[in-house]
Structures are given as C-alpha cells and as structure tokens.
Amino acid sequence: MELKTIKHIQAVSRFSRAFIYKQVQAGKLSPPIKIGRASRWKS
C-alpha cells in the first residue's frame, strides 16, 4: 500500500485542492488517512 499526498493527487488528476475535498465530503472520493497533521490517500 502506498500513501499519496494531496499534491500528488492534484498533479495526477489536475483537480484543485478544494475540489478534491468537496468530492470527499460528497462521498465520491475516499477520505484521507490522517497521520499527525498530514493527510494521505491510499493508492
């Protein structure tokens, strides 16, 4: 399992940070894993 940063998700998807978090709130993307203050997504 690899954990991706928000910057990596943005680079791959070309979506803004706000759009990604709105998709998480809408249930269309899985929520990030919190590691301390950092957020990471499973790949």
N, C-alpha and C. Protein backbone atom coordinates (compact mmCIF):
# COMPACT_ATOMS: atom_id res chain seq x y z
N MET A 1 0.85 -1.17 0.00
CA MET A 1 0.00 0.00 0.00
C MET A 1 0.90 1.24 0.00
N GLU A 2 0.57 2.14 -0.89
CA GLU A 2 1.33 3.39 -0.99
C GLU A 2 0.40 4.54 -0.59
N LEU A 3 0.93 5.51 0.13
CA LEU A 3 0.14 6.67 0.55
C LEU A 3 0.55 7.87 -0.29
N LYS A 4 -0.44 8.53 -0.86
CA LYS A 4 -0.20 9.68 -1.75
C LYS A 4 -0.56 10.98 -1.05
N THR A 5 0.17 12.04 -1.37
CA THR A 5 -0.11 13.36 -0.81
C THR A 5 -1.17 14.07 -1.67
N ILE A 6 -1.70 15.15 -1.14
CA ILE A 6 -2.67 15.96 -1.89
C ILE A 6 -2.00 16.54 -3.14
N LYS A 7 -0.75 16.89 -3.05
CA LYS A 7 -0.04 17.44 -4.22
C LYS A 7 0.07 16.40 -5.33
N HIS A 8 0.30 15.14 -4.95
CA HIS A 8 0.37 14.08 -5.96
C HIS A 8 -1.00 13.87 -6.60
N ILE A 9 -2.04 13.85 -5.79
CA ILE A 9 -3.40 13.67 -6.31
C ILE A 9 -3.73 14.82 -7.28
N GLN A 10 -3.36 16.04 -6.91
CA GLN A 10 -3.60 17.20 -7.78
C GLN A 10 -2.83 17.07 -9.09
N ALA A 11 -1.59 16.63 -9.04
CA ALA A 11 -0.77 16.52 -10.24
C ALA A 11 -1.33 15.47 -11.20
N VAL A 12 -1.80 14.36 -10.65
CA VAL A 12 -2.32 13.27 -11.48
C VAL A 12 -3.70 13.61 -12.04
N SER A 13 -4.56 14.19 -11.20
CA SER A 13 -5.95 14.41 -11.60
C SER A 13 -6.19 15.79 -12.23
N ARG A 14 -5.29 16.75 -11.98
CA ARG A 14 -5.44 18.13 -12.45
C ARG A 14 -6.63 18.84 -11.77
N PHE A 15 -7.08 18.33 -10.61
CA PHE A 15 -8.16 18.96 -9.84
C PHE A 15 -7.55 19.85 -8.76
N SER A 16 -8.31 20.87 -8.35
CA SER A 16 -7.83 21.74 -7.29
C SER A 16 -8.00 21.05 -5.94
N ARG A 17 -7.29 21.57 -4.96
CA ARG A 17 -7.37 21.04 -3.59
C ARG A 17 -8.81 21.12 -3.07
N ALA A 18 -9.46 22.26 -3.31
CA ALA A 18 -10.84 22.45 -2.84
C ALA A 18 -11.78 21.44 -3.49
N PHE A 19 -11.62 21.20 -4.79
CA PHE A 19 -12.48 20.25 -5.50
C PHE A 19 -12.30 18.84 -4.93
N ILE A 20 -11.07 18.46 -4.65
CA ILE A 20 -10.81 17.12 -4.09
C ILE A 20 -11.51 16.96 -2.75
N TYR A 21 -11.39 17.95 -1.88
CA TYR A 21 -12.03 17.86 -0.56
C TYR A 21 -13.56 17.92 -0.67
N LYS A 22 -14.10 18.64 -1.64
CA LYS A 22 -15.55 18.65 -1.86
C LYS A 22 -16.03 17.27 -2.30
N GLN A 23 -15.24 16.59 -3.12
CA GLN A 23 -15.58 15.24 -3.56
C GLN A 23 -15.54 14.26 -2.39
N VAL A 24 -14.62 14.47 -1.46
CA VAL A 24 -14.57 13.64 -0.25
C VAL A 24 -15.83 13.87 0.58
N GLN A 25 -16.24 15.13 0.75
CA GLN A 25 -17.45 15.44 1.52
C GLN A 25 -18.69 14.87 0.87
N ALA A 26 -18.72 14.83 -0.46
CA ALA A 26 -19.87 14.30 -1.19
C ALA A 26 -19.87 12.77 -1.21
N GLY A 27 -18.79 12.15 -0.75
CA GLY A 27 -18.71 10.70 -0.72
C GLY A 27 -18.24 10.08 -2.03
N LYS A 28 -17.75 10.89 -2.95
CA LYS A 28 -17.29 10.39 -4.25
C LYS A 28 -15.83 9.94 -4.21
N LEU A 29 -15.06 10.44 -3.26
CA LEU A 29 -13.68 10.01 -3.05
C LEU A 29 -13.56 9.51 -1.62
N SER A 30 -12.67 8.56 -1.42
CA SER A 30 -12.46 8.07 -0.05
C SER A 30 -11.76 9.15 0.77
N PRO A 31 -12.07 9.22 2.05
CA PRO A 31 -11.43 10.23 2.89
C PRO A 31 -9.95 9.91 3.10
N PRO A 32 -9.17 10.93 3.38
CA PRO A 32 -7.74 10.70 3.60
C PRO A 32 -7.49 10.06 4.96
N ILE A 33 -6.32 9.46 5.08
CA ILE A 33 -5.85 8.94 6.36
C ILE A 33 -5.04 10.06 7.00
N LYS A 34 -5.34 10.36 8.26
CA LYS A 34 -4.61 11.42 8.95
C LYS A 34 -3.41 10.81 9.68
N ILE A 35 -2.24 11.36 9.41
CA ILE A 35 -1.01 10.96 10.09
C ILE A 35 -0.46 12.24 10.72
N GLY A 36 -0.73 12.40 12.00
CA GLY A 36 -0.41 13.67 12.64
C GLY A 36 -1.29 14.74 12.03
N ARG A 37 -0.68 15.79 11.49
CA ARG A 37 -1.45 16.84 10.82
C ARG A 37 -1.53 16.61 9.32
N ALA A 38 -0.85 15.60 8.82
CA ALA A 38 -0.80 15.35 7.37
C ALA A 38 -1.94 14.44 6.93
N SER A 39 -2.41 14.65 5.72
CA SER A 39 -3.44 13.80 5.11
C SER A 39 -2.81 13.02 3.97
N ARG A 40 -3.10 11.72 3.93
CA ARG A 40 -2.58 10.86 2.87
C ARG A 40 -3.71 9.98 2.36
N TRP A 41 -3.68 9.69 1.06
CA TRP A 41 -4.69 8.82 0.45
C TRP A 41 -4.06 7.49 0.07
N LYS A 42 -4.81 6.41 0.27
CA LYS A 42 -4.35 5.09 -0.17
C LYS A 42 -4.38 5.03 -1.68
N SER A 43 -3.41 4.33 -2.25
CA SER A 43 -3.41 4.18 -3.71
C SER A 43 -3.65 2.74 -4.09
